[in-house]
């Protein structure tokens, strides 16, 4: 066989091994929980709930709105 064929095979194996190693590293990093990320997600959820409430207030009739405010 040609020497160039062996060189190409070795390079392909090295790239494949490097890609697999990076894949395993990313998979391991995904399992670790980031407290800052979880805090941000909790804030986003809270803000989404507030937006839902504001949308409901804007879209409901004035009668329902007055009654709901009185109930608070």
PDB file of N, CA and C in Angstrom:
ATOM      1  N   UNK A   1       0.834  -1.179   0.000  1.00  0.00           N
ATOM      2  CA  UNK A   1       0.000   0.000   0.000  1.00  0.00           C
ATOM      3  C   UNK A   1       0.882   1.246   0.000  1.00  0.00           C
ATOM      4  N   UNK A   2       0.249   2.298  -0.281  1.00  0.00           N
ATOM      5  CA  UNK A   2       0.941   3.566  -0.426  1.00  0.00           C
ATOM      6  C   UNK A   2       1.216   4.181   0.940  1.00  0.00           C
ATOM      7  N   UNK A   3       2.345   4.864   1.093  1.00  0.00           N
ATOM      8  CA  UNK A   3       2.700   5.524   2.347  1.00  0.00           C
ATOM      9  C   UNK A   3       1.704   6.633   2.675  1.00  0.00           C
ATOM     10  N   UNK A   4       1.238   7.307   1.639  1.00  0.00           N
ATOM     11  CA  UNK A   4       0.277   8.396   1.838  1.00  0.00           C
ATOM     12  C   UNK A   4      -1.026   7.857   2.455  1.00  0.00           C
ATOM     13  N   UNK A   5      -1.419   6.649   2.075  1.00  0.00           N
ATOM     14  CA  UNK A   5      -2.621   6.026   2.627  1.00  0.00           C
ATOM     15  C   UNK A   5      -2.483   5.846   4.144  1.00  0.00           C
ATOM     16  N   UNK A   6      -1.317   5.395   4.576  1.00  0.00           N
ATOM     17  CA  UNK A   6      -1.087   5.199   6.011  1.00  0.00           C
ATOM     18  C   UNK A   6      -1.112   6.536   6.767  1.00  0.00           C
ATOM     19  N   UNK A   7      -0.551   7.552   6.156  1.00  0.00           N
ATOM     20  CA  UNK A   7      -0.548   8.874   6.783  1.00  0.00           C
ATOM     21  C   UNK A   7      -1.985   9.368   6.937  1.00  0.00           C
ATOM     22  N   UNK A   8      -2.780   9.224   5.899  1.00  0.00           N
ATOM     23  CA  UNK A   8      -4.184   9.661   5.950  1.00  0.00           C
ATOM     24  C   UNK A   8      -4.946   8.865   7.006  1.00  0.00           C
ATOM     25  N   UNK A   9      -4.709   7.582   7.103  1.00  0.00           N
ATOM     26  CA  UNK A   9      -5.384   6.749   8.112  1.00  0.00           C
ATOM     27  C   UNK A   9      -5.004   7.190   9.523  1.00  0.00           C
ATOM     28  N   UNK A  10      -3.748   7.446   9.744  1.00  0.00           N
ATOM     29  CA  UNK A  10      -3.297   7.872  11.076  1.00  0.00           C
ATOM     30  C   UNK A  10      -3.916   9.218  11.446  1.00  0.00           C
ATOM     31  N   UNK A  11      -3.932  10.145  10.496  1.00  0.00           N
ATOM     32  CA  UNK A  11      -4.537  11.458  10.752  1.00  0.00           C
ATOM     33  C   UNK A  11      -6.027  11.299  11.040  1.00  0.00           C
ATOM     34  N   UNK A  12      -6.717  10.441  10.299  1.00  0.00           N
ATOM     35  CA  UNK A  12      -8.141  10.219  10.518  1.00  0.00           C
ATOM     36  C   UNK A  12      -8.401   9.634  11.905  1.00  0.00           C
ATOM     37  N   UNK A  13      -7.563   8.691  12.331  1.00  0.00           N
ATOM     38  CA  UNK A  13      -7.723   8.084  13.650  1.00  0.00           C
ATOM     39  C   UNK A  13      -7.485   9.126  14.745  1.00  0.00           C
ATOM     40  N   UNK A  14      -6.476   9.968  14.559  1.00  0.00           N
ATOM     41  CA  UNK A  14      -6.186  11.006  15.554  1.00  0.00           C
ATOM     42  C   UNK A  14      -7.353  11.981  15.656  1.00  0.00           C
ATOM     43  N   UNK A  15      -7.898  12.421  14.519  1.00  0.00           N
ATOM     44  CA  UNK A  15      -9.040  13.344  14.552  1.00  0.00           C
ATOM     45  C   UNK A  15     -10.268  12.694  15.174  1.00  0.00           C
ATOM     46  N   UNK A  16     -10.508  11.429  14.851  1.00  0.00           N
ATOM     47  CA  UNK A  16     -11.652  10.735  15.421  1.00  0.00           C
ATOM     48  C   UNK A  16     -11.499  10.601  16.941  1.00  0.00           C
ATOM     49  N   UNK A  17     -10.306  10.274  17.403  1.00  0.00           N
ATOM     50  CA  UNK A  17     -10.069  10.137  18.841  1.00  0.00           C
ATOM     51  C   UNK A  17     -10.225  11.484  19.542  1.00  0.00           C
ATOM     52  N   UNK A  18      -9.736  12.547  18.927  1.00  0.00           N
ATOM     53  CA  UNK A  18      -9.862  13.882  19.509  1.00  0.00           C
ATOM     54  C   UNK A  18     -11.335  14.303  19.591  1.00  0.00           C
ATOM     55  N   UNK A  19     -12.083  14.031  18.533  1.00  0.00           N
ATOM     56  CA  UNK A  19     -13.509  14.363  18.525  1.00  0.00           C
ATOM     57  C   UNK A  19     -14.249  13.579  19.593  1.00  0.00           C
ATOM     58  N   UNK A  20     -13.954  12.308  19.733  1.00  0.00           N
ATOM     59  CA  UNK A  20     -14.597  11.477  20.752  1.00  0.00           C
ATOM     60  C   UNK A  20     -14.241  11.975  22.153  1.00  0.00           C
ATOM     61  N   UNK A  21     -13.001  12.367  22.345  1.00  0.00           N
ATOM     62  CA  UNK A  21     -12.571  12.886  23.642  1.00  0.00           C
ATOM     63  C   UNK A  21     -13.315  14.180  23.976  1.00  0.00           C
ATOM     64  N   UNK A  22     -13.477  15.068  23.009  1.00  0.00           N
ATOM     65  CA  UNK A  22     -14.230  16.308  23.228  1.00  0.00           C
ATOM     66  C   UNK A  22     -15.693  16.018  23.523  1.00  0.00           C
ATOM     67  N   UNK A  23     -16.249  15.024  22.838  1.00  0.00           N
ATOM     68  CA  UNK A  23     -17.641  14.627  23.082  1.00  0.00           C
ATOM     69  C   UNK A  23     -17.818  14.151  24.521  1.00  0.00           C
ATOM     70  N   UNK A  24     -16.916  13.311  24.992  1.00  0.00           N
ATOM     71  CA  UNK A  24     -17.004  12.818  26.363  1.00  0.00           C
ATOM     72  C   UNK A  24     -16.842  13.947  27.378  1.00  0.00           C
ATOM     73  N   UNK A  25     -15.965  14.894  27.094  1.00  0.00           N
ATOM     74  CA  UNK A  25     -15.768  16.035  27.992  1.00  0.00           C
ATOM     75  C   UNK A  25     -17.034  16.883  28.062  1.00  0.00           C
ATOM     76  N   UNK A  26     -17.670  17.137  26.918  1.00  0.00           N
ATOM     77  CA  UNK A  26     -18.914  17.919  26.904  1.00  0.00           C
ATOM     78  C   UNK A  26     -20.020  17.183  27.653  1.00  0.00           C
ATOM     79  N   UNK A  27     -20.094  15.889  27.469  1.00  0.00           N
ATOM     80  CA  UNK A  27     -21.121  15.093  28.138  1.00  0.00           C
ATOM     81  C   UNK A  27     -20.922  15.150  29.648  1.00  0.00           C
ATOM     82  N   UNK A  28     -19.685  15.116  30.092  1.00  0.00           N
ATOM     83  CA  UNK A  28     -19.385  15.191  31.522  1.00  0.00           C
ATOM     84  C   UNK A  28     -19.731  16.573  32.071  1.00  0.00           C
ATOM     85  N   UNK A  29     -19.461  17.626  31.312  1.00  0.00           N
ATOM     86  CA  UNK A  29     -19.748  18.985  31.763  1.00  0.00           C
ATOM     87  C   UNK A  29     -21.246  19.239  31.856  1.00  0.00           C
ATOM     88  N   UNK A  30     -22.039  18.579  31.002  1.00  0.00           N
ATOM     89  CA  UNK A  30     -23.488  18.745  31.042  1.00  0.00           C
ATOM     90  C   UNK A  30     -24.059  18.211  32.351  1.00  0.00           C
ATOM     91  N   UNK A  31     -23.455  17.188  32.901  1.00  0.00           N
ATOM     92  CA  UNK A  31     -23.965  16.578  34.123  1.00  0.00           C
ATOM     93  C   UNK A  31     -23.752  17.461  35.342  1.00  0.00           C
ATOM     94  N   UNK A  32     -22.732  18.297  35.305  1.00  0.00           N
ATOM     95  CA  UNK A  32     -22.454  19.180  36.424  1.00  0.00           C
ATOM     96  C   UNK A  32     -23.453  20.329  36.402  1.00  0.00           C
ATOM     97  N   UNK A  33     -24.031  20.629  37.562  1.00  0.00           N
ATOM     98  CA  UNK A  33     -25.026  21.680  37.656  1.00  0.00           C
ATOM     99  C   UNK A  33     -24.347  23.008  37.963  1.00  0.00           C
ATOM    100  N   UNK A  34     -24.772  23.998  37.240  1.00  0.00           N
ATOM    101  CA  UNK A  34     -24.239  25.343  37.425  1.00  0.00           C
ATOM    102  C   UNK A  34     -25.235  26.115  38.280  1.00  0.00           C
ATOM    103  N   UNK A  35     -24.876  26.485  39.517  1.00  0.00           N
ATOM    104  CA  UNK A  35     -25.820  27.191  40.387  1.00  0.00           C
ATOM    105  C   UNK A  35     -26.262  28.532  39.798  1.00  0.00           C
ATOM    106  N   UNK A  36     -25.364  29.198  39.095  1.00  0.00           N
ATOM    107  CA  UNK A  36     -25.728  30.472  38.476  1.00  0.00           C
ATOM    108  C   UNK A  36     -26.775  30.266  37.389  1.00  0.00           C
ATOM    109  N   UNK A  37     -26.644  29.194  36.629  1.00  0.00           N
ATOM    110  CA  UNK A  37     -27.613  28.882  35.589  1.00  0.00           C
ATOM    111  C   UNK A  37     -28.966  28.565  36.199  1.00  0.00           C
ATOM    112  N   UNK A  38     -28.981  27.769  37.253  1.00  0.00           N
ATOM    113  CA  UNK A  38     -30.242  27.415  37.896  1.00  0.00           C
ATOM    114  C   UNK A  38     -30.921  28.644  38.494  1.00  0.00           C
ATOM    115  N   UNK A  39     -30.134  29.552  39.043  1.00  0.00           N
ATOM    116  CA  UNK A  39     -30.692  30.789  39.591  1.00  0.00           C
ATOM    117  C   UNK A  39     -31.296  31.636  38.470  1.00  0.00           C
ATOM    118  N   UNK A  40     -30.610  31.710  37.360  1.00  0.00           N
ATOM    119  CA  UNK A  40     -31.122  32.475  36.219  1.00  0.00           C
ATOM    120  C   UNK A  40     -32.408  31.861  35.680  1.00  0.00           C
ATOM    121  N   UNK A  41     -32.452  30.554  35.606  1.00  0.00           N
ATOM    122  CA  UNK A  41     -33.671  29.889  35.136  1.00  0.00           C
ATOM    123  C   UNK A  41     -34.840  30.134  36.078  1.00  0.00           C
ATOM    124  N   UNK A  42     -34.583  30.158  37.377  1.00  0.00           N
ATOM    125  CA  UNK A  42     -35.641  30.439  38.347  1.00  0.00           C
ATOM    126  C   UNK A  42     -36.155  31.867  38.178  1.00  0.00           C
ATOM    127  N   UNK A  43     -35.249  32.811  37.954  1.00  0.00           N
ATOM    128  CA  UNK A  43     -35.667  34.202  37.729  1.00  0.00           C
ATOM    129  C   UNK A  43     -36.486  34.326  36.453  1.00  0.00           C
ATOM    130  N   UNK A  44     -36.074  33.631  35.424  1.00  0.00           N
ATOM    131  CA  UNK A  44     -36.817  33.670  34.167  1.00  0.00           C
ATOM    132  C   UNK A  44     -38.217  33.113  34.360  1.00  0.00           C
ATOM    133  N   UNK A  45     -38.331  32.016  35.085  1.00  0.00           N
ATOM    134  CA  UNK A  45     -39.649  31.424  35.351  1.00  0.00           C
ATOM    135  C   UNK A  45     -40.528  32.401  36.123  1.00  0.00           C
ATOM    136  N   UNK A  46     -39.958  33.085  37.116  1.00  0.00           N
ATOM    137  CA  UNK A  46     -40.711  34.065  37.892  1.00  0.00           C
ATOM    138  C   UNK A  46     -41.183  35.213  36.993  1.00  0.00           C
ATOM    139  N   UNK A  47     -40.301  35.691  36.121  1.00  0.00           N
ATOM    140  CA  UNK A  47     -40.668  36.781  35.225  1.00  0.00           C
ATOM    141  C   UNK A  47     -41.736  36.354  34.216  1.00  0.00           C
ATOM    142  N   UNK A  48     -41.650  35.117  33.746  1.00  0.00           N
ATOM    143  CA  UNK A  48     -42.678  34.610  32.839  1.00  0.00           C
ATOM    144  C   UNK A  48     -44.035  34.570  33.523  1.00  0.00           C
ATOM    145  N   UNK A  49     -44.060  34.159  34.775  1.00  0.00           N
ATOM    146  CA  UNK A  49     -45.322  34.123  35.521  1.00  0.00           C
ATOM    147  C   UNK A  49     -45.884  35.533  35.681  1.00  0.00           C
ATOM    148  N   UNK A  50     -45.027  36.490  35.979  1.00  0.00           N
ATOM    149  CA  UNK A  50     -45.478  37.882  36.116  1.00  0.00           C
ATOM    150  C   UNK A  50     -46.033  38.406  34.793  1.00  0.00           C
ATOM    151  N   UNK A  51     -45.405  38.040  33.685  1.00  0.00           N
ATOM    152  CA  UNK A  51     -45.897  38.465  32.373  1.00  0.00           C
ATOM    153  C   UNK A  51     -47.257  37.844  32.097  1.00  0.00           C
ATOM    154  N   UNK A  52     -47.439  36.562  32.461  1.00  0.00           N
ATOM    155  CA  UNK A  52     -48.747  35.914  32.278  1.00  0.00           C
ATOM    156  C   UNK A  52     -49.831  36.658  33.050  1.00  0.00           C
ATOM    157  N   UNK A  53     -49.507  37.054  34.282  1.00  0.00           N
ATOM    158  CA  UNK A  53     -50.474  37.790  35.099  1.00  0.00           C
ATOM    159  C   UNK A  53     -50.791  39.133  34.450  1.00  0.00           C
ATOM    160  N   UNK A  54     -49.780  39.844  34.007  1.00  0.00           N
ATOM    161  CA  UNK A  54     -50.007  41.136  33.368  1.00  0.00           C
ATOM    162  C   UNK A  54     -50.820  40.991  32.081  1.00  0.00           C
ATOM    163  N   UNK A  55     -50.547  39.974  31.298  1.00  0.00           N
ATOM    164  CA  UNK A  55     -51.328  39.741  30.087  1.00  0.00           C
ATOM    165  C   UNK A  55     -52.783  39.450  30.429  1.00  0.00           C
ATOM    166  N   UNK A  56     -52.993  38.665  31.469  1.00  0.00           N
ATOM    167  CA  UNK A  56     -54.358  38.347  31.881  1.00  0.00           C
ATOM    168  C   UNK A  56     -55.083  39.606  32.338  1.00  0.00           C
ATOM    169  N   UNK A  57     -54.381  40.465  33.085  1.00  0.00           N
ATOM    170  CA  UNK A  57     -54.994  41.702  33.561  1.00  0.00           C
ATOM    171  C   UNK A  57     -55.364  42.601  32.387  1.00  0.00           C
ATOM    172  N   UNK A  58     -54.504  42.694  31.405  1.00  0.00           N
ATOM    173  CA  UNK A  58     -54.755  43.570  30.264  1.00  0.00           C
ATOM    174  C   UNK A  58     -55.901  43.047  29.407  1.00  0.00           C
ATOM    175  N   UNK A  59     -56.003  41.748  29.249  1.00  0.00           N
ATOM    176  CA  UNK A  59     -57.005  41.184  28.344  1.00  0.00           C
ATOM    177  C   UNK A  59     -58.365  40.970  28.995  1.00  0.00           C
ATOM    178  N   UNK A  60     -58.457  40.911  30.317  1.00  0.00           N
ATOM    179  CA  UNK A  60     -59.743  40.701  30.972  1.00  0.00           C
ATOM    180  C   UNK A  60     -60.555  41.991  30.982  1.00  0.00           C
ATOM    181  N   UNK A  61     -61.855  41.828  31.163  1.00  0.00           N
ATOM    182  CA  UNK A  61     -62.724  43.006  31.205  1.00  0.00           C
ATOM    183  C   UNK A  61     -62.494  43.786  32.502  1.00  0.00           C
ATOM    184  N   UNK A  62     -62.921  45.046  32.508  1.00  0.00           N
ATOM    185  CA  UNK A  62     -62.691  45.915  33.659  1.00  0.00           C
ATOM    186  C   UNK A  62     -63.420  45.410  34.897  1.00  0.00           C
ATOM    187  N   UNK A  63     -64.589  44.834  34.717  1.00  0.00           N
ATOM    188  CA  UNK A  63     -65.362  44.330  35.849  1.00  0.00           C
ATOM    189  C   UNK A  63     -64.591  43.228  36.578  1.00  0.00           C
ATOM    190  N   UNK A  64     -64.065  42.281  35.805  1.00  0.00           N
ATOM    191  CA  UNK A  64     -63.288  41.191  36.405  1.00  0.00           C
ATOM    192  C   UNK A  64     -62.018  41.722  37.054  1.00  0.00           C
ATOM    193  N   UNK A  65     -61.410  42.716  36.432  1.00  0.00           N
ATOM    194  CA  UNK A  65     -60.186  43.301  36.962  1.00  0.00           C
ATOM    195  C   UNK A  65     -60.439  43.972  38.307  1.00  0.00           C
ATOM    196  N   UNK A  66     -61.509  44.752  38.393  1.00  0.00           N
ATOM    197  CA  UNK A  66     -61.846  45.422  39.661  1.00  0.00           C
ATOM    198  C   UNK A  66     -62.104  44.423  40.754  1.00  0.00           C
ATOM    199  N   UNK A  67     -62.827  43.378  40.443  1.00  0.00           N
ATOM    200  CA  UNK A  67     -63.139  42.349  41.435  1.00  0.00           C
ATOM    201  C   UNK A  67     -61.863  41.637  41.902  1.00  0.00           C
ATOM    202  N   UNK A  68     -60.976  41.353  40.969  1.00  0.00           N
ATOM    203  CA  UNK A  68     -59.742  40.660  41.323  1.00  0.00           C
ATOM    204  C   UNK A  68     -58.841  41.557  42.189  1.00  0.00           C
ATOM    205  N   UNK A  69     -58.796  42.829  41.862  1.00  0.00           N
ATOM    206  CA  UNK A  69     -57.999  43.754  42.681  1.00  0.00           C
ATOM    207  C   UNK A  69     -58.571  43.854  44.086  1.00  0.00           C
ATOM    208  N   UNK A  70     -59.896  43.876  44.198  1.00  0.00           N
ATOM    209  CA  UNK A  70     -60.526  43.915  45.514  1.00  0.00           C
ATOM    210  C   UNK A  70     -60.226  42.656  46.302  1.00  0.00           C
ATOM    211  N   UNK A  71     -60.117  41.545  45.630  1.00  0.00           N
ATOM    212  CA  UNK A  71     -59.827  40.273  46.311  1.00  0.00           C
ATOM    213  C   UNK A  71     -58.399  40.236  46.836  1.00  0.00           C
ATOM    214  N   UNK A  72     -57.523  41.006  46.244  1.00  0.00           N
ATOM    215  CA  UNK A  72     -56.137  41.020  46.709  1.00  0.00           C
ATOM    216  C   UNK A  72     -56.077  41.717  48.037  1.00  0.00           C
TER     217      UNK A  72
END
